[in-house]
Amino acid sequence: MEKDDEKFLTIKEVAGLLGVTPLTLRNWDKKGKLVSFRNPVNGYRMYTISQIEEFFDEMRRERNRRGKFKIKIKVVEVKD
């Protein structure tokens, strides 16, 4: 993953996209489920768009393997 050329999303933005709370994302980070990058200036958790897309794809594959309902995900472009 080439993170230098990518735009980053804040924990609040990602929580909104995934429909979870920032606390859930922090817990996933600690457990290694969705590991964040850290902003070198302030230490805040940040996520790349491609990282979130990969996470969505993995969620979809996992649900399909389990035979549960299928999810549709709409990826929107984040404006600066």
PDB file of N, CA and C in Angstrom:
ATOM      1  N   MET A   1       0.841  -1.171   0.000  1.00  0.00           N
ATOM      2  CA  MET A   1       0.000   0.000   0.000  1.00  0.00           C
ATOM      3  C   MET A   1       0.890   1.240   0.000  1.00  0.00           C
ATOM      4  N   GLU A   2       0.678   2.128  -0.955  1.00  0.00           N
ATOM      5  CA  GLU A   2       1.471   3.342  -1.059  1.00  0.00           C
ATOM      6  C   GLU A   2       0.705   4.474  -0.385  1.00  0.00           C
ATOM      7  N   LYS A   3       0.925   4.686   0.893  1.00  0.00           N
ATOM      8  CA  LYS A   3       0.150   5.647   1.653  1.00  0.00           C
ATOM      9  C   LYS A   3       0.564   7.088   1.412  1.00  0.00           C
ATOM     10  N   ASP A   4       1.734   7.338   0.844  1.00  0.00           N
ATOM     11  CA  ASP A   4       2.194   8.705   0.631  1.00  0.00           C
ATOM     12  C   ASP A   4       1.331   9.463  -0.370  1.00  0.00           C
ATOM     13  N   ASP A   5       0.765   8.770  -1.350  1.00  0.00           N
ATOM     14  CA  ASP A   5      -0.038   9.413  -2.389  1.00  0.00           C
ATOM     15  C   ASP A   5      -1.525   9.417  -2.061  1.00  0.00           C
ATOM     16  N   GLU A   6      -1.912   8.838  -0.954  1.00  0.00           N
ATOM     17  CA  GLU A   6      -3.323   8.700  -0.642  1.00  0.00           C
ATOM     18  C   GLU A   6      -3.815   9.781   0.306  1.00  0.00           C
ATOM     19  N   LYS A   7      -5.120   9.990   0.242  1.00  0.00           N
ATOM     20  CA  LYS A   7      -5.743  10.905   1.183  1.00  0.00           C
ATOM     21  C   LYS A   7      -6.140  10.119   2.418  1.00  0.00           C
ATOM     22  N   PHE A   8      -6.092  10.773   3.531  1.00  0.00           N
ATOM     23  CA  PHE A   8      -6.434  10.120   4.786  1.00  0.00           C
ATOM     24  C   PHE A   8      -7.791  10.583   5.290  1.00  0.00           C
ATOM     25  N   LEU A   9      -8.469   9.680   5.975  1.00  0.00           N
ATOM     26  CA  LEU A   9      -9.747   9.968   6.604  1.00  0.00           C
ATOM     27  C   LEU A   9      -9.552   9.960   8.116  1.00  0.00           C
ATOM     28  N   THR A  10     -10.306  10.793   8.798  1.00  0.00           N
ATOM     29  CA  THR A  10     -10.234  10.825  10.255  1.00  0.00           C
ATOM     30  C   THR A  10     -11.040   9.679  10.837  1.00  0.00           C
ATOM     31  N   ILE A  11     -10.837   9.423  12.100  1.00  0.00           N
ATOM     32  CA  ILE A  11     -11.574   8.358  12.773  1.00  0.00           C
ATOM     33  C   ILE A  11     -13.082   8.645  12.749  1.00  0.00           C
ATOM     34  N   LYS A  12     -13.452   9.917  12.853  1.00  0.00           N
ATOM     35  CA  LYS A  12     -14.867  10.301  12.814  1.00  0.00           C
ATOM     36  C   LYS A  12     -15.469  10.028  11.430  1.00  0.00           C
ATOM     37  N   GLU A  13     -14.731  10.348  10.377  1.00  0.00           N
ATOM     38  CA  GLU A  13     -15.212  10.094   9.014  1.00  0.00           C
ATOM     39  C   GLU A  13     -15.387   8.603   8.761  1.00  0.00           C
ATOM     40  N   VAL A  14     -14.412   7.812   9.184  1.00  0.00           N
ATOM     41  CA  VAL A  14     -14.486   6.364   8.974  1.00  0.00           C
ATOM     42  C   VAL A  14     -15.617   5.753   9.799  1.00  0.00           C
ATOM     43  N   ALA A  15     -15.792   6.222  11.019  1.00  0.00           N
ATOM     44  CA  ALA A  15     -16.889   5.722  11.858  1.00  0.00           C
ATOM     45  C   ALA A  15     -18.225   5.972  11.171  1.00  0.00           C
ATOM     46  N   GLY A  16     -18.386   7.148  10.572  1.00  0.00           N
ATOM     47  CA  GLY A  16     -19.618   7.456   9.854  1.00  0.00           C
ATOM     48  C   GLY A  16     -19.820   6.566   8.643  1.00  0.00           C
ATOM     49  N   LEU A  17     -18.758   6.300   7.887  1.00  0.00           N
ATOM     50  CA  LEU A  17     -18.853   5.426   6.713  1.00  0.00           C
ATOM     51  C   LEU A  17     -19.225   3.997   7.087  1.00  0.00           C
ATOM     52  N   LEU A  18     -18.645   3.522   8.190  1.00  0.00           N
ATOM     53  CA  LEU A  18     -18.873   2.134   8.607  1.00  0.00           C
ATOM     54  C   LEU A  18     -20.104   1.970   9.488  1.00  0.00           C
ATOM     55  N   GLY A  19     -20.643   3.073   9.985  1.00  0.00           N
ATOM     56  CA  GLY A  19     -21.818   2.983  10.853  1.00  0.00           C
ATOM     57  C   GLY A  19     -21.484   2.471  12.241  1.00  0.00           C
ATOM     58  N   VAL A  20     -20.293   2.794  12.713  1.00  0.00           N
ATOM     59  CA  VAL A  20     -19.866   2.395  14.061  1.00  0.00           C
ATOM     60  C   VAL A  20     -19.377   3.653  14.793  1.00  0.00           C
ATOM     61  N   THR A  21     -19.065   3.515  16.054  1.00  0.00           N
ATOM     62  CA  THR A  21     -18.555   4.647  16.823  1.00  0.00           C
ATOM     63  C   THR A  21     -17.027   4.714  16.724  1.00  0.00           C
ATOM     64  N   PRO A  22     -16.463   5.888  16.989  1.00  0.00           N
ATOM     65  CA  PRO A  22     -15.001   5.976  17.044  1.00  0.00           C
ATOM     66  C   PRO A  22     -14.411   5.017  18.088  1.00  0.00           C
ATOM     67  N   LEU A  23     -15.125   4.775  19.166  1.00  0.00           N
ATOM     68  CA  LEU A  23     -14.638   3.827  20.179  1.00  0.00           C
ATOM     69  C   LEU A  23     -14.503   2.426  19.595  1.00  0.00           C
ATOM     70  N   THR A  24     -15.453   2.027  18.760  1.00  0.00           N
ATOM     71  CA  THR A  24     -15.366   0.720  18.098  1.00  0.00           C
ATOM     72  C   THR A  24     -14.119   0.656  17.234  1.00  0.00           C
ATOM     73  N   LEU A  25     -13.840   1.728  16.487  1.00  0.00           N
ATOM     74  CA  LEU A  25     -12.624   1.751  15.660  1.00  0.00           C
ATOM     75  C   LEU A  25     -11.371   1.661  16.506  1.00  0.00           C
ATOM     76  N   ARG A  26     -11.361   2.324  17.652  1.00  0.00           N
ATOM     77  CA  ARG A  26     -10.192   2.237  18.542  1.00  0.00           C
ATOM     78  C   ARG A  26     -10.002   0.807  19.040  1.00  0.00           C
ATOM     79  N   ASN A  27     -11.107   0.153  19.371  1.00  0.00           N
ATOM     80  CA  ASN A  27     -11.029  -1.248  19.820  1.00  0.00           C
ATOM     81  C   ASN A  27     -10.551  -2.161  18.694  1.00  0.00           C
ATOM     82  N   TRP A  28     -11.054  -1.947  17.484  1.00  0.00           N
ATOM     83  CA  TRP A  28     -10.599  -2.742  16.342  1.00  0.00           C
ATOM     84  C   TRP A  28      -9.112  -2.521  16.098  1.00  0.00           C
ATOM     85  N   ASP A  29      -8.659  -1.288  16.275  1.00  0.00           N
ATOM     86  CA  ASP A  29      -7.242  -0.978  16.101  1.00  0.00           C
ATOM     87  C   ASP A  29      -6.407  -1.772  17.106  1.00  0.00           C
ATOM     88  N   LYS A  30      -6.827  -1.768  18.358  1.00  0.00           N
ATOM     89  CA  LYS A  30      -6.098  -2.510  19.400  1.00  0.00           C
ATOM     90  C   LYS A  30      -6.067  -4.009  19.114  1.00  0.00           C
ATOM     91  N   LYS A  31      -7.162  -4.538  18.547  1.00  0.00           N
ATOM     92  CA  LYS A  31      -7.258  -5.973  18.260  1.00  0.00           C
ATOM     93  C   LYS A  31      -6.642  -6.344  16.910  1.00  0.00           C
ATOM     94  N   GLY A  32      -6.257  -5.338  16.117  1.00  0.00           N
ATOM     95  CA  GLY A  32      -5.645  -5.609  14.824  1.00  0.00           C
ATOM     96  C   GLY A  32      -6.636  -5.839  13.706  1.00  0.00           C
ATOM     97  N   LYS A  33      -7.915  -5.603  13.937  1.00  0.00           N
ATOM     98  CA  LYS A  33      -8.937  -5.839  12.912  1.00  0.00           C
ATOM     99  C   LYS A  33      -8.894  -4.766  11.823  1.00  0.00           C
ATOM    100  N   LEU A  34      -8.721  -3.507  12.210  1.00  0.00           N
ATOM    101  CA  LEU A  34      -8.583  -2.392  11.275  1.00  0.00           C
ATOM    102  C   LEU A  34      -7.569  -1.432  11.898  1.00  0.00           C
ATOM    103  N   VAL A  35      -6.319  -1.619  11.520  1.00  0.00           N
ATOM    104  CA  VAL A  35      -5.225  -0.877  12.145  1.00  0.00           C
ATOM    105  C   VAL A  35      -5.073   0.485  11.478  1.00  0.00           C
ATOM    106  N   SER A  36      -4.974   1.520  12.286  1.00  0.00           N
ATOM    107  CA  SER A  36      -4.858   2.887  11.775  1.00  0.00           C
ATOM    108  C   SER A  36      -3.402   3.283  11.589  1.00  0.00           C
ATOM    109  N   PHE A  37      -3.231   4.334  10.802  1.00  0.00           N
ATOM    110  CA  PHE A  37      -1.955   5.026  10.725  1.00  0.00           C
ATOM    111  C   PHE A  37      -2.028   6.130  11.764  1.00  0.00           C
ATOM    112  N   ARG A  38      -0.900   6.598  12.230  1.00  0.00           N
ATOM    113  CA  ARG A  38      -0.885   7.694  13.201  1.00  0.00           C
ATOM    114  C   ARG A  38      -0.335   8.949  12.536  1.00  0.00           C
ATOM    115  N   ASN A  39      -1.026  10.051  12.754  1.00  0.00           N
ATOM    116  CA  ASN A  39      -0.562  11.339  12.279  1.00  0.00           C
ATOM    117  C   ASN A  39       0.735  11.652  13.021  1.00  0.00           C
ATOM    118  N   PRO A  40       1.821  11.921  12.309  1.00  0.00           N
ATOM    119  CA  PRO A  40       3.109  12.142  12.988  1.00  0.00           C
ATOM    120  C   PRO A  40       3.145  13.421  13.823  1.00  0.00           C
ATOM    121  N   VAL A  41       2.264  14.356  13.547  1.00  0.00           N
ATOM    122  CA  VAL A  41       2.260  15.624  14.279  1.00  0.00           C
ATOM    123  C   VAL A  41       1.497  15.509  15.591  1.00  0.00           C
ATOM    124  N   ASN A  42       0.269  14.936  15.518  1.00  0.00           N
ATOM    125  CA  ASN A  42      -0.579  14.930  16.713  1.00  0.00           C
ATOM    126  C   ASN A  42      -0.932  13.536  17.234  1.00  0.00           C
ATOM    127  N   GLY A  43      -0.544  12.483  16.515  1.00  0.00           N
ATOM    128  CA  GLY A  43      -0.805  11.126  16.973  1.00  0.00           C
ATOM    129  C   GLY A  43      -2.218  10.621  16.734  1.00  0.00           C
ATOM    130  N   TYR A  44      -3.068  11.414  16.062  1.00  0.00           N
ATOM    131  CA  TYR A  44      -4.445  10.990  15.796  1.00  0.00           C
ATOM    132  C   TYR A  44      -4.457   9.796  14.844  1.00  0.00           C
ATOM    133  N   ARG A  45      -5.474   8.966  14.993  1.00  0.00           N
ATOM    134  CA  ARG A  45      -5.653   7.829  14.098  1.00  0.00           C
ATOM    135  C   ARG A  45      -6.172   8.332  12.755  1.00  0.00           C
ATOM    136  N   MET A  46      -5.601   7.786  11.685  1.00  0.00           N
ATOM    137  CA  MET A  46      -6.001   8.140  10.330  1.00  0.00           C
ATOM    138  C   MET A  46      -6.083   6.859   9.506  1.00  0.00           C
ATOM    139  N   TYR A  47      -6.935   6.867   8.514  1.00  0.00           N
ATOM    140  CA  TYR A  47      -7.132   5.703   7.659  1.00  0.00           C
ATOM    141  C   TYR A  47      -7.092   6.138   6.205  1.00  0.00           C
ATOM    142  N   THR A  48      -6.545   5.298   5.331  1.00  0.00           N
ATOM    143  CA  THR A  48      -6.546   5.613   3.903  1.00  0.00           C
ATOM    144  C   THR A  48      -7.842   5.116   3.287  1.00  0.00           C
ATOM    145  N   ILE A  49      -8.214   5.755   2.186  1.00  0.00           N
ATOM    146  CA  ILE A  49      -9.424   5.341   1.477  1.00  0.00           C
ATOM    147  C   ILE A  49      -9.274   3.905   0.992  1.00  0.00           C
ATOM    148  N   SER A  50      -8.118   3.552   0.446  1.00  0.00           N
ATOM    149  CA  SER A  50      -7.930   2.179  -0.050  1.00  0.00           C
ATOM    150  C   SER A  50      -7.995   1.168   1.095  1.00  0.00           C
ATOM    151  N   GLN A  51      -7.526   1.553   2.265  1.00  0.00           N
ATOM    152  CA  GLN A  51      -7.592   0.667   3.428  1.00  0.00           C
ATOM    153  C   GLN A  51      -9.051   0.381   3.801  1.00  0.00           C
ATOM    154  N   ILE A  52      -9.900   1.399   3.761  1.00  0.00           N
ATOM    155  CA  ILE A  52     -11.307   1.223   4.092  1.00  0.00           C
ATOM    156  C   ILE A  52     -11.993   0.384   3.017  1.00  0.00           C
ATOM    157  N   GLU A  53     -11.648   0.606   1.753  1.00  0.00           N
ATOM    158  CA  GLU A  53     -12.213  -0.208   0.671  1.00  0.00           C
ATOM    159  C   GLU A  53     -11.845  -1.672   0.854  1.00  0.00           C
ATOM    160  N   GLU A  54     -10.594  -1.944   1.210  1.00  0.00           N
ATOM    161  CA  GLU A  54     -10.159  -3.329   1.456  1.00  0.00           C
ATOM    162  C   GLU A  54     -10.918  -3.932   2.632  1.00  0.00           C
ATOM    163  N   PHE A  55     -11.146  -3.143   3.665  1.00  0.00           N
ATOM    164  CA  PHE A  55     -11.889  -3.616   4.832  1.00  0.00           C
ATOM    165  C   PHE A  55     -13.324  -3.962   4.439  1.00  0.00           C
ATOM    166  N   PHE A  56     -13.968  -3.093   3.632  1.00  0.00           N
ATOM    167  CA  PHE A  56     -15.318  -3.373   3.138  1.00  0.00           C
ATOM    168  C   PHE A  56     -15.340  -4.679   2.350  1.00  0.00           C
ATOM    169  N   ASP A  57     -14.361  -4.859   1.466  1.00  0.00           N
ATOM    170  CA  ASP A  57     -14.292  -6.078   0.656  1.00  0.00           C
ATOM    171  C   ASP A  57     -14.153  -7.313   1.537  1.00  0.00           C
ATOM    172  N   GLU A  58     -13.311  -7.238   2.546  1.00  0.00           N
ATOM    173  CA  GLU A  58     -13.127  -8.371   3.457  1.00  0.00           C
ATOM    174  C   GLU A  58     -14.421  -8.664   4.228  1.00  0.00           C
ATOM    175  N   MET A  59     -15.115  -7.624   4.660  1.00  0.00           N
ATOM    176  CA  MET A  59     -16.399  -7.817   5.352  1.00  0.00           C
ATOM    177  C   MET A  59     -17.391  -8.517   4.434  1.00  0.00           C
ATOM    178  N   ARG A  60     -17.442  -8.085   3.177  1.00  0.00           N
ATOM    179  CA  ARG A  60     -18.360  -8.682   2.206  1.00  0.00           C
ATOM    180  C   ARG A  60     -18.017 -10.156   1.988  1.00  0.00           C
ATOM    181  N   ARG A  61     -16.727 -10.454   1.813  1.00  0.00           N
ATOM    182  CA  ARG A  61     -16.320 -11.853   1.606  1.00  0.00           C
ATOM    183  C   ARG A  61     -16.666 -12.712   2.823  1.00  0.00           C
ATOM    184  N   GLU A  62     -16.416 -12.189   4.009  1.00  0.00           N
ATOM    185  CA  GLU A  62     -16.698 -12.938   5.237  1.00  0.00           C
ATOM    186  C   GLU A  62     -18.189 -13.221   5.376  1.00  0.00           C
ATOM    187  N   ARG A  63     -19.016 -12.241   5.100  1.00  0.00           N
ATOM    188  CA  ARG A  63     -20.467 -12.456   5.207  1.00  0.00           C
ATOM    189  C   ARG A  63     -20.957 -13.442   4.159  1.00  0.00           C
ATOM    190  N   ASN A  64     -20.386 -13.384   2.968  1.00  0.00           N
ATOM    191  CA  ASN A  64     -20.770 -14.332   1.923  1.00  0.00           C
ATOM    192  C   ASN A  64     -20.348 -15.750   2.302  1.00  0.00           C
ATOM    193  N   ARG A  65     -19.179 -15.908   2.926  1.00  0.00           N
ATOM    194  CA  ARG A  65     -18.730 -17.233   3.368  1.00  0.00           C
ATOM    195  C   ARG A  65     -19.657 -17.807   4.427  1.00  0.00           C
ATOM    196  N   ARG A  66     -20.150 -16.948   5.269  1.00  0.00           N
ATOM    197  CA  ARG A  66     -21.031 -17.396   6.349  1.00  0.00           C
ATOM    198  C   ARG A  66     -22.470 -17.604   5.881  1.00  0.00           C
ATOM    199  N   GLY A  67     -22.784 -17.178   4.646  1.00  0.00           N
ATOM    200  CA  GLY A  67     -24.133 -17.344   4.132  1.00  0.00           C
ATOM    201  C   GLY A  67     -25.113 -16.327   4.685  1.00  0.00           C
ATOM    202  N   LYS A  68     -24.594 -15.245   5.233  1.00  0.00           N
ATOM    203  CA  LYS A  68     -25.483 -14.218   5.765  1.00  0.00           C
ATOM    204  C   LYS A  68     -25.835 -13.244   4.657  1.00  0.00           C
ATOM    205  N   PHE A  69     -26.632 -12.278   4.991  1.00  0.00           N
ATOM    206  CA  PHE A  69     -27.078 -11.302   4.005  1.00  0.00           C
ATOM    207  C   PHE A  69     -25.895 -10.592   3.363  1.00  0.00           C
ATOM    208  N   LYS A  70     -26.103 -10.194   2.131  1.00  0.00           N
ATOM    209  CA  LYS A  70     -25.063  -9.483   1.404  1.00  0.00           C
ATOM    210  C   LYS A  70     -25.206  -7.995   1.672  1.00  0.00           C
ATOM    211  N   ILE A  71     -24.066  -7.314   1.703  1.00  0.00           N
ATOM    212  CA  ILE A  71     -24.104  -5.871   1.928  1.00  0.00           C
ATOM    213  C   ILE A  71     -23.640  -5.156   0.668  1.00  0.00           C
ATOM    214  N   LYS A  72     -24.205  -3.995   0.438  1.00  0.00           N
ATOM    215  CA  LYS A  72     -23.784  -3.148  -0.666  1.00  0.00           C
ATOM    216  C   LYS A  72     -23.149  -1.918  -0.056  1.00  0.00           C
ATOM    217  N   ILE A  73     -22.024  -1.527  -0.615  1.00  0.00           N
ATOM    218  CA  ILE A  73     -21.283  -0.403  -0.063  1.00  0.00           C
ATOM    219  C   ILE A  73     -21.075   0.626  -1.173  1.00  0.00           C
ATOM    220  N   LYS A  74     -21.388   1.843  -0.852  1.00  0.00           N
ATOM    221  CA  LYS A  74     -21.165   2.937  -1.786  1.00  0.00           C
ATOM    222  C   LYS A  74     -19.981   3.745  -1.260  1.00  0.00           C
ATOM    223  N   VAL A  75     -18.928   3.811  -2.044  1.00  0.00           N
ATOM    224  CA  VAL A  75     -17.745   4.577  -1.656  1.00  0.00           C
ATOM    225  C   VAL A  75     -17.894   5.965  -2.251  1.00  0.00           C
ATOM    226  N   VAL A  76     -17.798   6.955  -1.412  1.00  0.00           N
ATOM    227  CA  VAL A  76     -17.916   8.334  -1.869  1.00  0.00           C
ATOM    228  C   VAL A  76     -16.557   9.008  -1.786  1.00  0.00           C
ATOM    229  N   GLU A  77     -16.356   9.975  -2.661  1.00  0.00           N
ATOM    230  CA  GLU A  77     -15.098  10.703  -2.656  1.00  0.00           C
ATOM    231  C   GLU A  77     -15.125  11.744  -1.560  1.00  0.00           C
ATOM    232  N   VAL A  78     -14.058  11.823  -0.815  1.00  0.00           N
ATOM    233  CA  VAL A  78     -13.940  12.794   0.266  1.00  0.00           C
ATOM    234  C   VAL A  78     -13.263  14.031  -0.284  1.00  0.00           C
ATOM    235  N   LYS A  79     -13.898  15.181  -0.088  1.00  0.00           N
ATOM    236  CA  LYS A  79     -13.328  16.437  -0.594  1.00  0.00           C
ATOM    237  C   LYS A  79     -12.422  17.039   0.462  1.00  0.00           C
ATOM    238  N   ASP A  80     -11.396  17.698  -0.010  1.00  0.00           N
ATOM    239  CA  ASP A  80     -10.456  18.360   0.902  1.00  0.00           C
ATOM    240  C   ASP A  80     -11.095  19.563   1.544  1.00  0.00           C
TER     241      ASP A  80
END
